[in-house]
């Protein structure tokens, strides 16, 4: 084989990103995990992609963060990243670069109600 001939492999599979997720205590207990979980998520990294990966790895969380049928966020949960409330953003909006790079976590917070 001539030395000038090289074979280049092109991959069509997107690179996998490691996302950090912090869950509220009641969901940690249900999933039997610590305060933070790390998941592989394929780009584009969105709320929907992160929550889909979370529910795939921890099926006991299905229906606890999002409604089973509509996949809408449960009323007493909020999503935060980079000190911003992302709860009312579209589920398909890309998450901030700091979350995608693993510098910052995606946070699910249980709201407190009552008086």
C-alpha atoms as a PDB file:
ATOM      1  CA  UNK A   1       0.000   0.000   0.000  1.00  0.00           C
ATOM      2  CA  UNK A   2       1.511   3.358  -0.965  1.00  0.00           C
ATOM      3  CA  UNK A   3       2.413   5.557   1.984  1.00  0.00           C
ATOM      4  CA  UNK A   4       0.482   8.446   0.447  1.00  0.00           C
ATOM      5  CA  UNK A   5      -2.750   6.460   0.608  1.00  0.00           C
ATOM      6  CA  UNK A   6      -4.532   6.980   3.875  1.00  0.00           C
ATOM      7  CA  UNK A   7      -7.947   5.874   4.936  1.00  0.00           C
ATOM      8  CA  UNK A   8     -10.124   8.370   6.769  1.00  0.00           C
ATOM      9  CA  UNK A   9     -13.145   7.177   8.645  1.00  0.00           C
ATOM     10  CA  UNK A  10     -16.067   9.511   8.829  1.00  0.00           C
ATOM     11  CA  UNK A  11     -18.535   8.950  11.574  1.00  0.00           C
ATOM     12  CA  UNK A  12     -22.101  10.098  11.168  1.00  0.00           C
ATOM     13  CA  UNK A  13     -22.917   9.497  14.816  1.00  0.00           C
ATOM     14  CA  UNK A  14     -23.035  12.740  16.827  1.00  0.00           C
ATOM     15  CA  UNK A  15     -20.683  13.076  19.749  1.00  0.00           C
ATOM     16  CA  UNK A  16     -22.155  12.165  23.101  1.00  0.00           C
ATOM     17  CA  UNK A  17     -22.213  14.817  25.815  1.00  0.00           C
ATOM     18  CA  UNK A  18     -22.064  14.114  29.541  1.00  0.00           C
ATOM     19  CA  UNK A  19     -24.731  16.159  31.338  1.00  0.00           C
ATOM     20  CA  UNK A  20     -24.870  16.675  35.091  1.00  0.00           C
ATOM     21  CA  UNK A  21     -28.342  16.657  36.662  1.00  0.00           C
ATOM     22  CA  UNK A  22     -29.303  17.581  40.208  1.00  0.00           C
ATOM     23  CA  UNK A  23     -32.602  16.185  41.460  1.00  0.00           C
ATOM     24  CA  UNK A  24     -34.740  17.087  44.473  1.00  0.00           C
ATOM     25  CA  UNK A  25     -34.564  14.726  47.448  1.00  0.00           C
ATOM     26  CA  UNK A  26     -37.838  12.904  46.779  1.00  0.00           C
ATOM     27  CA  UNK A  27     -36.769  12.032  43.218  1.00  0.00           C
ATOM     28  CA  UNK A  28     -33.267  11.009  44.362  1.00  0.00           C
ATOM     29  CA  UNK A  29     -34.845   8.624  46.843  1.00  0.00           C
ATOM     30  CA  UNK A  30     -37.167   7.196  44.204  1.00  0.00           C
ATOM     31  CA  UNK A  31     -34.296   6.628  41.738  1.00  0.00           C
ATOM     32  CA  UNK A  32     -31.856   5.467  44.463  1.00  0.00           C
ATOM     33  CA  UNK A  33     -29.174   7.967  43.388  1.00  0.00           C
ATOM     34  CA  UNK A  34     -27.011  10.583  45.065  1.00  0.00           C
ATOM     35  CA  UNK A  35     -27.409  14.322  44.815  1.00  0.00           C
ATOM     36  CA  UNK A  36     -26.118  14.441  41.224  1.00  0.00           C
ATOM     37  CA  UNK A  37     -26.402  12.063  38.285  1.00  0.00           C
ATOM     38  CA  UNK A  38     -24.422  12.152  35.055  1.00  0.00           C
ATOM     39  CA  UNK A  39     -26.002  11.056  31.795  1.00  0.00           C
ATOM     40  CA  UNK A  40     -24.915  10.696  28.190  1.00  0.00           C
ATOM     41  CA  UNK A  41     -27.018  12.870  25.892  1.00  0.00           C
ATOM     42  CA  UNK A  42     -26.632  13.136  22.118  1.00  0.00           C
ATOM     43  CA  UNK A  43     -26.759  16.648  20.629  1.00  0.00           C
ATOM     44  CA  UNK A  44     -28.715  18.801  20.408  1.00  0.00           C
ATOM     45  CA  UNK A  45     -28.826  18.984  24.198  1.00  0.00           C
ATOM     46  CA  UNK A  46     -32.290  20.244  25.134  1.00  0.00           C
ATOM     47  CA  UNK A  47     -34.587  19.858  28.134  1.00  0.00           C
ATOM     48  CA  UNK A  48     -36.461  17.163  26.215  1.00  0.00           C
ATOM     49  CA  UNK A  49     -33.266  15.237  25.374  1.00  0.00           C
ATOM     50  CA  UNK A  50     -31.999  15.419  28.971  1.00  0.00           C
ATOM     51  CA  UNK A  51     -35.318  14.338  30.479  1.00  0.00           C
ATOM     52  CA  UNK A  52     -35.733  11.567  27.893  1.00  0.00           C
ATOM     53  CA  UNK A  53     -32.266  10.237  28.816  1.00  0.00           C
ATOM     54  CA  UNK A  54     -33.025  10.560  32.536  1.00  0.00           C
ATOM     55  CA  UNK A  55     -36.298   8.645  32.237  1.00  0.00           C
ATOM     56  CA  UNK A  56     -34.657   5.996  30.034  1.00  0.00           C
ATOM     57  CA  UNK A  57     -31.924   5.338  32.604  1.00  0.00           C
ATOM     58  CA  UNK A  58     -34.253   5.662  35.614  1.00  0.00           C
ATOM     59  CA  UNK A  59     -37.684   4.437  34.429  1.00  0.00           C
ATOM     60  CA  UNK A  60     -39.099   4.816  37.937  1.00  0.00           C
ATOM     61  CA  UNK A  61     -38.979   8.603  37.315  1.00  0.00           C
ATOM     62  CA  UNK A  62     -41.382   8.444  34.349  1.00  0.00           C
ATOM     63  CA  UNK A  63     -44.443  10.515  35.163  1.00  0.00           C
ATOM     64  CA  UNK A  64     -42.830  12.210  38.160  1.00  0.00           C
ATOM     65  CA  UNK A  65     -41.086  15.071  36.337  1.00  0.00           C
ATOM     66  CA  UNK A  66     -43.314  15.213  33.252  1.00  0.00           C
ATOM     67  CA  UNK A  67     -46.885  14.084  32.662  1.00  0.00           C
ATOM     68  CA  UNK A  68     -47.063  10.581  31.113  1.00  0.00           C
ATOM     69  CA  UNK A  69     -49.294  11.605  28.224  1.00  0.00           C
ATOM     70  CA  UNK A  70     -48.425  15.201  27.395  1.00  0.00           C
ATOM     71  CA  UNK A  71     -44.783  15.204  28.588  1.00  0.00           C
ATOM     72  CA  UNK A  72     -45.461  18.642  30.083  1.00  0.00           C
ATOM     73  CA  UNK A  73     -43.512  19.657  33.197  1.00  0.00           C
ATOM     74  CA  UNK A  74     -45.305  18.803  36.435  1.00  0.00           C
ATOM     75  CA  UNK A  75     -46.752  21.887  38.132  1.00  0.00           C
ATOM     76  CA  UNK A  76     -44.617  21.746  41.269  1.00  0.00           C
ATOM     77  CA  UNK A  77     -41.269  21.211  39.560  1.00  0.00           C
ATOM     78  CA  UNK A  78     -38.979  23.842  38.079  1.00  0.00           C
ATOM     79  CA  UNK A  79     -35.915  23.567  35.815  1.00  0.00           C
ATOM     80  CA  UNK A  80     -32.839  25.743  36.335  1.00  0.00           C
ATOM     81  CA  UNK A  81     -29.430  26.085  34.704  1.00  0.00           C
ATOM     82  CA  UNK A  82     -26.775  28.781  35.033  1.00  0.00           C
ATOM     83  CA  UNK A  83     -28.916  30.550  37.677  1.00  0.00           C
ATOM     84  CA  UNK A  84     -31.787  30.960  35.190  1.00  0.00           C
ATOM     85  CA  UNK A  85     -35.304  29.545  35.413  1.00  0.00           C
ATOM     86  CA  UNK A  86     -35.822  27.476  32.257  1.00  0.00           C
ATOM     87  CA  UNK A  87     -39.205  26.108  33.323  1.00  0.00           C
ATOM     88  CA  UNK A  88     -41.194  28.048  30.737  1.00  0.00           C
ATOM     89  CA  UNK A  89     -38.726  27.644  27.865  1.00  0.00           C
ATOM     90  CA  UNK A  90     -39.605  25.355  24.975  1.00  0.00           C
ATOM     91  CA  UNK A  91     -38.483  21.778  25.712  1.00  0.00           C
ATOM     92  CA  UNK A  92     -36.593  21.869  22.407  1.00  0.00           C
ATOM     93  CA  UNK A  93     -34.554  25.009  23.143  1.00  0.00           C
ATOM     94  CA  UNK A  94     -30.843  24.125  23.400  1.00  0.00           C
ATOM     95  CA  UNK A  95     -29.496  24.269  26.947  1.00  0.00           C
ATOM     96  CA  UNK A  96     -26.748  26.791  27.811  1.00  0.00           C
ATOM     97  CA  UNK A  97     -23.192  25.908  26.730  1.00  0.00           C
ATOM     98  CA  UNK A  98     -22.074  25.687  30.369  1.00  0.00           C
ATOM     99  CA  UNK A  99     -24.541  22.795  30.863  1.00  0.00           C
ATOM    100  CA  UNK A 100     -23.534  21.104  27.612  1.00  0.00           C
ATOM    101  CA  UNK A 101     -19.845  21.317  28.540  1.00  0.00           C
ATOM    102  CA  UNK A 102     -20.491  19.910  32.027  1.00  0.00           C
ATOM    103  CA  UNK A 103     -19.391  23.047  33.876  1.00  0.00           C
ATOM    104  CA  UNK A 104     -22.896  23.643  35.230  1.00  0.00           C
ATOM    105  CA  UNK A 105     -25.651  21.148  36.103  1.00  0.00           C
ATOM    106  CA  UNK A 106     -29.230  21.017  34.873  1.00  0.00           C
ATOM    107  CA  UNK A 107     -31.260  21.349  38.073  1.00  0.00           C
ATOM    108  CA  UNK A 108     -34.743  20.029  38.804  1.00  0.00           C
ATOM    109  CA  UNK A 109     -36.201  21.730  41.872  1.00  0.00           C
ATOM    110  CA  UNK A 110     -39.343  20.781  43.722  1.00  0.00           C
ATOM    111  CA  UNK A 111     -41.434  23.874  44.415  1.00  0.00           C
ATOM    112  CA  UNK A 112     -42.623  24.560  47.924  1.00  0.00           C
ATOM    113  CA  UNK A 113     -46.284  25.383  48.374  1.00  0.00           C
ATOM    114  CA  UNK A 114     -48.309  26.267  51.386  1.00  0.00           C
ATOM    115  CA  UNK A 115     -48.468  28.996  53.903  1.00  0.00           C
END
